[in-house]
Amino acid sequence: MRGVLRRLLGGVFVSLCLVQTLPLALVSDAAARDVTPGVVYAVGEKFDRSFNESAYRAHERFSAAHGVSYLEYHPTQPAEIERAVDSLVRRGADHISVVGYYYAQPLAEIAPHYEGVNFTLIDAVAEAPNVRSVTFREEEGCFLVGMIAALASETQKVGFIAALDIPLLRKFIAGFEQGVRFVLPDIVFRLNFIGATESAFNDVTTAAELARVQYGGGVDVIFAGAGNANMGVFQVAADMGRLAIGVDANQNGLFPGTILTSMLKRVDVAVLEALEDDLADKWTPGRRSLGLAEGGVDWALDENNAPLITERMKEMTAHARKAIVDGDLLVDDGR
């Protein structure tokens, strides 16, 4: 793998595509069918500047484009999914976006009972005739931010703080570690998990404590993969003069000068595409996987982190991106 990319790095440098988007053409108002969207958010803050907020923004954009109102349900625990779906359907929803890996099994069981309702599940697979399951190749985007972290590190010690130890987050961890070790094979890599249940995604206090330990031990860049708990990592990074990496949405602006970059996971793109497909009567069930090639993952560069990003970072990640998309560089997903 290292030899392939090094040969590519010897070629002509290409421009970095900052944030790709899937080809989303808004359908005309003379659509093939009417759609009443509903969304079941993940447990946690709606305006989390991350996963839930991305789904919210997609519905806002769809509503503004077509003059369509949407319905919402914000569970306090994953077990509420059946009540959430039933509530939205009774209120008229016929396309429901379900945001969260832990909804997969119950959704597979209940979805077939709602004939005429299309479900788009984000981050997991539910086998049912009326469910589109959208997953992401997070490891590809994480490889790129891993390269950036290694290039930014002065101590040659980087860390990852994850909410909990689950296959989904192992994809992030695997991609990030491969990226940093591609640049610095002997780099010190620290890993901590905040908790053992979904509540870890909102445990800001524990996230901050773990960040203090990592930074105190010499780590100078931490990838925070913990939903709303990221705020604890970011605050400690700012207080201690260290760097952090955001996740899912562009979190660079939360602590300008502290957030090195953000690994973008385009939940908004996946949700909006599903809604537009349904409005055009082109929605289909089944599995979809989104990576760098489809614009489903990326890294963020804007005015908030531009001073932290060097030309070498841009050049190396541009070549790595091309190698991944072309199939010359395979990033293991850690599973």
Protein backbone atom coordinates (compact mmCIF):
# COMPACT_ATOMS: atom_id res chain seq x y z
CA MET A 1 0.00 0.00 0.00
CA ARG A 2 2.78 2.43 0.98
CA GLY A 3 4.70 1.73 -2.22
CA VAL A 4 1.67 2.35 -4.42
CA LEU A 5 0.93 5.73 -2.92
CA ARG A 6 4.56 6.82 -2.82
CA ARG A 7 4.79 6.23 -6.57
CA LEU A 8 1.67 8.32 -7.00
CA LEU A 9 3.14 11.08 -4.84
CA GLY A 10 5.99 11.40 -7.30
CA GLY A 11 3.66 12.51 -10.08
CA VAL A 12 2.21 15.86 -10.93
CA PHE A 13 0.30 17.41 -8.04
CA VAL A 14 -3.42 17.80 -8.51
CA SER A 15 -5.88 20.17 -6.88
CA LEU A 16 -7.72 19.09 -3.77
CA CYS A 17 -11.47 18.68 -4.00
CA LEU A 18 -12.54 20.14 -0.69
CA VAL A 19 -16.10 18.92 -0.32
CA GLN A 20 -17.70 16.79 -3.00
CA THR A 21 -21.42 16.42 -3.25
CA LEU A 22 -23.56 13.82 -4.82
CA PRO A 23 -25.35 14.90 -8.00
CA LEU A 24 -28.61 16.16 -6.55
CA ALA A 25 -30.89 17.86 -9.00
CA LEU A 26 -34.00 19.14 -7.28
CA VAL A 27 -37.02 17.73 -9.04
CA SER A 28 -39.68 19.98 -10.45
CA ASP A 29 -42.85 20.81 -8.59
CA ALA A 30 -44.69 18.66 -11.10
CA ALA A 31 -43.32 15.59 -9.35
CA ALA A 32 -44.61 12.09 -9.86
CA ARG A 33 -45.98 11.84 -6.32
CA ASP A 34 -46.53 13.84 -3.18
CA VAL A 35 -44.24 13.14 -0.23
CA THR A 36 -44.77 13.90 3.44
CA PRO A 37 -41.36 13.45 5.10
CA GLY A 38 -40.75 12.40 8.64
CA VAL A 39 -37.50 11.97 10.53
CA VAL A 40 -36.56 9.93 13.58
CA TYR A 41 -33.43 11.47 15.03
CA ALA A 42 -30.65 9.70 16.85
CA VAL A 43 -30.74 9.88 20.62
CA GLY A 44 -29.03 13.08 21.75
CA GLU A 45 -29.07 16.74 20.85
CA LYS A 46 -30.95 17.72 17.70
CA PHE A 47 -28.62 20.65 17.07
CA ASP A 48 -25.48 18.65 17.75
CA ARG A 49 -23.46 20.37 14.98
CA SER A 50 -23.01 16.84 13.70
CA PHE A 51 -25.12 13.79 12.81
CA ASN A 52 -28.64 14.87 13.78
CA GLU A 53 -28.21 18.40 12.58
CA SER A 54 -27.12 17.15 9.16
CA ALA A 55 -30.39 15.23 8.82
CA TYR A 56 -32.31 18.29 10.02
CA ARG A 57 -30.60 20.52 7.42
CA ALA A 58 -31.51 18.07 4.65
CA HIS A 59 -35.18 18.24 5.61
CA GLU A 60 -35.03 22.02 5.84
CA ARG A 61 -33.59 22.25 2.35
CA PHE A 62 -36.18 19.85 0.94
CA SER A 63 -38.98 21.78 2.63
CA ALA A 64 -37.75 25.12 1.31
CA ALA A 65 -37.32 23.79 -2.23
CA HIS A 66 -40.75 22.22 -2.51
CA GLY A 67 -42.95 23.94 0.04
CA VAL A 68 -43.43 20.65 1.88
CA SER A 69 -43.72 20.45 5.65
CA TYR A 70 -41.97 17.63 7.49
CA LEU A 71 -42.60 15.82 10.75
CA GLU A 72 -40.10 15.03 13.51
CA TYR A 73 -39.68 12.61 16.38
CA HIS A 74 -36.80 12.93 18.84
CA PRO A 75 -36.45 9.76 20.96
CA THR A 76 -34.83 9.80 24.38
CA GLN A 77 -33.73 6.17 23.99
CA PRO A 78 -33.33 3.74 21.04
CA ALA A 79 -36.20 1.54 22.27
CA GLU A 80 -38.66 4.27 21.25
CA ILE A 81 -38.27 3.57 17.54
CA GLU A 82 -41.58 1.68 17.19
CA ARG A 83 -43.48 4.44 18.98
CA ALA A 84 -41.69 7.03 16.85
CA VAL A 85 -42.58 5.38 13.54
CA ASP A 86 -46.17 4.82 14.57
CA SER A 87 -46.53 8.45 15.64
CA LEU A 88 -45.11 9.81 12.39
CA VAL A 89 -47.24 7.52 10.20
CA ARG A 90 -50.42 8.42 12.10
CA ARG A 91 -49.58 12.09 11.51
CA GLY A 92 -49.28 11.46 7.77
CA ALA A 93 -45.61 10.70 7.07
CA ASP A 94 -44.99 8.41 4.10
CA HIS A 95 -41.20 8.75 3.86
CA ILE A 96 -39.33 8.38 7.13
CA SER A 97 -35.61 8.99 7.55
CA VAL A 98 -34.29 6.95 10.47
CA VAL A 99 -30.97 8.25 11.77
CA GLY A 100 -28.90 5.81 13.84
CA TYR A 101 -27.26 2.39 13.64
CA TYR A 102 -29.12 1.05 16.70
CA TYR A 103 -32.48 1.29 14.93
CA ALA A 104 -31.58 -1.36 12.34
CA GLN A 105 -32.98 -4.52 13.91
CA PRO A 106 -36.31 -3.11 15.14
CA LEU A 107 -36.81 -1.25 11.86
CA ALA A 108 -36.35 -4.47 9.87
CA GLU A 109 -39.15 -5.98 11.95
CA ILE A 110 -41.66 -3.13 11.89
CA ALA A 111 -41.14 -1.54 8.47
CA PRO A 112 -42.97 -4.24 6.47
CA HIS A 113 -46.11 -3.54 8.52
CA TYR A 114 -46.31 -0.01 7.08
CA GLU A 115 -47.33 -0.54 3.50
CA GLY A 116 -46.93 2.57 1.38
CA VAL A 117 -44.27 4.07 3.66
CA ASN A 118 -40.66 4.27 2.49
CA PHE A 119 -37.88 4.24 5.08
CA THR A 120 -34.31 5.51 4.62
CA LEU A 121 -32.03 4.18 7.34
CA ILE A 122 -28.74 5.96 7.96
CA ASP A 123 -25.64 4.12 9.18
CA ALA A 124 -26.87 0.54 9.23
CA VAL A 125 -28.57 -2.16 7.19
CA ALA A 126 -32.16 -3.30 7.72
CA GLU A 127 -33.36 -5.98 5.33
CA ALA A 128 -36.95 -5.10 4.45
CA PRO A 129 -38.74 -4.49 1.14
CA ASN A 130 -39.43 -0.83 1.93
CA VAL A 131 -36.10 0.20 3.50
CA ARG A 132 -33.14 1.91 1.82
CA SER A 133 -30.06 1.30 3.97
CA VAL A 134 -27.31 3.90 3.56
CA THR A 135 -23.87 3.22 4.98
CA PHE A 136 -20.63 5.11 4.53
CA ARG A 137 -17.05 4.09 3.91
CA GLU A 138 -15.87 6.28 6.76
CA GLU A 139 -12.44 4.67 6.73
CA GLU A 140 -11.65 6.42 3.42
CA GLY A 141 -12.25 9.93 4.75
CA CYS A 142 -10.56 9.05 8.04
CA PHE A 143 -7.44 7.93 6.17
CA LEU A 144 -7.11 11.43 4.73
CA VAL A 145 -7.57 13.21 8.07
CA GLY A 146 -5.11 10.73 9.59
CA MET A 147 -2.51 11.88 7.09
CA ILE A 148 -3.24 15.50 8.00
CA ALA A 149 -2.97 14.72 11.73
CA ALA A 150 0.42 13.07 11.29
CA LEU A 151 1.71 15.97 9.21
CA ALA A 152 0.49 18.46 11.83
CA SER A 153 1.84 16.60 14.87
CA GLU A 154 5.01 18.01 16.42
CA THR A 155 5.26 15.34 19.14
CA GLN A 156 4.58 12.39 16.83
CA LYS A 157 1.82 11.35 19.21
CA VAL A 158 -1.84 11.42 18.10
CA GLY A 159 -5.02 10.12 19.65
CA PHE A 160 -8.58 9.06 19.01
CA ILE A 161 -11.42 9.41 21.51
CA ALA A 162 -14.46 7.37 20.48
CA ALA A 163 -17.85 7.22 22.12
CA LEU A 164 -17.90 3.42 22.49
CA ASP A 165 -16.39 0.28 21.00
CA ILE A 166 -18.71 -0.72 18.16
CA PRO A 167 -18.07 -1.88 14.56
CA LEU A 168 -19.20 1.48 13.16
CA LEU A 169 -16.62 3.46 15.12
CA ARG A 170 -13.95 0.84 14.49
CA LYS A 171 -14.16 1.90 10.82
CA PHE A 172 -13.26 5.46 11.80
CA ILE A 173 -10.44 4.29 14.05
CA ALA A 174 -8.99 1.90 11.47
CA GLY A 175 -8.96 4.47 8.68
CA PHE A 176 -7.46 7.17 10.88
CA GLU A 177 -4.68 4.96 12.22
CA GLN A 178 -3.79 3.75 8.71
CA GLY A 179 -3.57 7.35 7.53
CA VAL A 180 -1.29 8.52 10.34
CA ARG A 181 0.95 5.46 10.03
CA PHE A 182 1.25 5.92 6.28
CA VAL A 183 2.92 9.25 6.94
CA LEU A 184 4.75 8.25 10.16
CA PRO A 185 4.95 4.45 10.55
CA ASP A 186 6.28 4.64 14.13
CA ILE A 187 3.89 7.31 15.39
CA VAL A 188 2.42 6.79 18.86
CA PHE A 189 -1.33 6.20 18.61
CA ARG A 190 -3.56 6.50 21.69
CA LEU A 191 -7.15 5.24 21.79
CA ASN A 192 -9.82 5.70 24.44
CA PHE A 193 -13.54 4.91 24.61
CA ILE A 194 -15.87 7.13 26.59
CA GLY A 195 -18.41 4.50 27.66
CA ALA A 196 -20.22 1.28 26.84
CA THR A 197 -23.71 2.51 25.94
CA GLU A 198 -25.21 5.05 23.54
CA SER A 199 -25.22 7.63 26.35
CA ALA A 200 -21.47 8.00 25.71
CA PHE A 201 -22.25 10.14 22.67
CA ASN A 202 -23.47 12.84 25.06
CA ASP A 203 -20.97 12.40 27.90
CA VAL A 204 -19.07 15.67 27.52
CA THR A 205 -17.47 15.40 30.98
CA THR A 206 -15.81 12.01 30.42
CA ALA A 207 -14.70 13.05 26.93
CA ALA A 208 -12.98 16.09 28.43
CA GLU A 209 -11.28 14.00 31.11
CA LEU A 210 -9.91 11.57 28.53
CA ALA A 211 -8.69 14.45 26.38
CA ARG A 212 -6.79 15.95 29.33
CA VAL A 213 -5.06 12.62 29.90
CA GLN A 214 -4.10 12.20 26.25
CA TYR A 215 -2.89 15.77 25.79
CA GLY A 216 -1.10 15.61 29.15
CA GLY A 217 0.75 12.53 27.91
CA GLY A 218 2.14 14.31 24.88
CA VAL A 219 -0.56 13.80 22.28
CA ASP A 220 -1.01 17.00 20.30
CA VAL A 221 -3.80 16.00 17.86
CA ILE A 222 -6.97 14.11 18.84
CA PHE A 223 -9.67 12.85 16.48
CA ALA A 224 -12.94 13.20 18.39
CA GLY A 225 -15.48 10.62 17.21
CA ALA A 226 -18.11 10.99 19.88
CA GLY A 227 -21.10 12.97 18.67
CA ASN A 228 -22.11 15.72 21.08
CA ALA A 229 -19.37 14.61 23.51
CA ASN A 230 -16.88 16.08 21.04
CA MET A 231 -17.49 19.43 22.72
CA GLY A 232 -15.56 18.22 25.75
CA VAL A 233 -12.54 17.29 23.64
CA PHE A 234 -12.65 20.57 21.73
CA GLN A 235 -12.82 22.70 24.87
CA VAL A 236 -9.84 20.94 26.44
CA ALA A 237 -7.88 21.23 23.19
CA ALA A 238 -8.52 24.97 23.13
CA ASP A 239 -7.62 25.37 26.81
CA MET A 240 -4.35 23.43 26.44
CA GLY A 241 -3.32 24.86 23.07
CA ARG A 242 -3.59 21.54 21.25
CA LEU A 243 -5.40 20.44 18.07
CA ALA A 244 -8.54 18.36 17.56
CA ILE A 245 -10.38 16.89 14.57
CA GLY A 246 -14.15 17.09 14.22
CA VAL A 247 -16.49 14.53 12.71
CA ASP A 248 -19.58 14.13 10.52
CA ALA A 249 -20.36 17.82 9.88
CA ASN A 250 -17.91 20.68 9.41
CA GLN A 251 -17.01 21.56 13.00
CA ASN A 252 -14.06 23.83 12.14
CA GLY A 253 -15.90 26.97 13.18
CA LEU A 254 -16.69 25.79 16.71
CA PHE A 255 -13.14 26.53 17.89
CA PRO A 256 -11.30 28.29 15.04
CA GLY A 257 -7.59 27.65 15.21
CA THR A 258 -8.13 24.56 17.38
CA ILE A 259 -10.02 22.29 14.98
CA LEU A 260 -7.39 21.06 12.51
CA THR A 261 -10.10 19.75 10.16
CA SER A 262 -13.33 17.75 10.23
CA MET A 263 -14.00 14.37 8.66
CA LEU A 264 -17.18 15.02 6.72
CA LYS A 265 -19.82 12.32 6.61
CA ARG A 266 -22.52 13.59 4.31
CA VAL A 267 -25.66 12.43 6.07
CA ASP A 268 -27.39 15.51 4.63
CA VAL A 269 -26.57 14.40 1.09
CA ALA A 270 -27.83 10.84 1.67
CA VAL A 271 -31.10 12.01 3.26
CA LEU A 272 -31.79 14.68 0.65
CA GLU A 273 -31.08 12.30 -2.22
CA ALA A 274 -33.58 9.80 -0.81
CA LEU A 275 -36.27 12.47 -0.44
CA GLU A 276 -35.70 13.78 -3.95
CA ASP A 277 -35.82 10.24 -5.35
CA ASP A 278 -39.13 9.61 -3.62
CA LEU A 279 -40.61 12.87 -4.84
CA ALA A 280 -39.64 11.89 -8.39
CA ASP A 281 -41.02 8.38 -7.83
CA LYS A 282 -37.51 6.97 -8.33
CA TRP A 283 -36.85 5.85 -4.77
CA THR A 284 -35.70 2.24 -4.45
CA PRO A 285 -34.95 0.08 -1.40
CA GLY A 286 -31.75 -1.84 -0.81
CA ARG A 287 -28.20 -1.10 0.23
CA ARG A 288 -26.13 1.95 -0.68
CA SER A 289 -22.51 2.59 0.28
CA LEU A 290 -21.04 6.09 0.01
CA GLY A 291 -17.33 6.86 0.08
CA LEU A 292 -14.90 9.31 -1.49
CA ALA A 293 -15.94 8.40 -5.04
CA GLU A 294 -19.59 9.20 -4.35
CA GLY A 295 -18.91 12.34 -2.31
CA GLY A 296 -20.19 10.62 0.82
CA VAL A 297 -17.09 11.38 2.92
CA ASP A 298 -14.39 14.05 2.77
CA TRP A 299 -12.39 16.50 4.88
CA ALA A 300 -13.20 20.13 5.50
CA LEU A 301 -11.15 23.19 4.60
CA ASP A 302 -12.48 26.69 5.18
CA GLU A 303 -11.45 30.05 6.59
CA ASN A 304 -11.49 28.66 10.13
CA ASN A 305 -8.74 26.09 9.63
CA ALA A 306 -6.95 27.39 6.53
CA PRO A 307 -3.96 28.71 8.55
CA LEU A 308 -3.40 25.19 9.93
CA ILE A 309 -3.41 23.39 6.57
CA THR A 310 -0.15 23.33 4.62
CA GLU A 311 0.37 22.85 0.91
CA ARG A 312 2.01 19.52 1.64
CA MET A 313 -1.17 18.35 3.41
CA LYS A 314 -3.27 19.35 0.42
CA GLU A 315 -0.93 17.72 -2.09
CA MET A 316 -0.52 14.43 -0.25
CA THR A 317 -4.22 14.02 0.52
CA ALA A 318 -5.10 14.85 -3.08
CA HIS A 319 -2.90 12.02 -4.32
CA ALA A 320 -4.21 9.65 -1.66
CA ARG A 321 -7.79 10.52 -2.61
CA LYS A 322 -7.12 9.69 -6.25
CA ALA A 323 -5.44 6.43 -5.33
CA ILE A 324 -8.40 5.38 -3.17
CA VAL A 325 -11.00 6.34 -5.77
CA ASP A 326 -9.04 4.58 -8.53
CA GLY A 327 -8.71 1.43 -6.44
CA ASP A 328 -4.90 1.66 -6.21
CA LEU A 329 -5.01 2.20 -2.45
CA LEU A 330 -7.29 0.03 -0.36
CA VAL A 331 -8.18 1.23 3.12
CA ASP A 332 -9.11 -1.55 5.54
CA ASP A 333 -12.35 -0.92 7.40
CA GLY A 334 -11.19 -2.60 10.61
CA ARG A 335 -13.85 -5.29 10.62
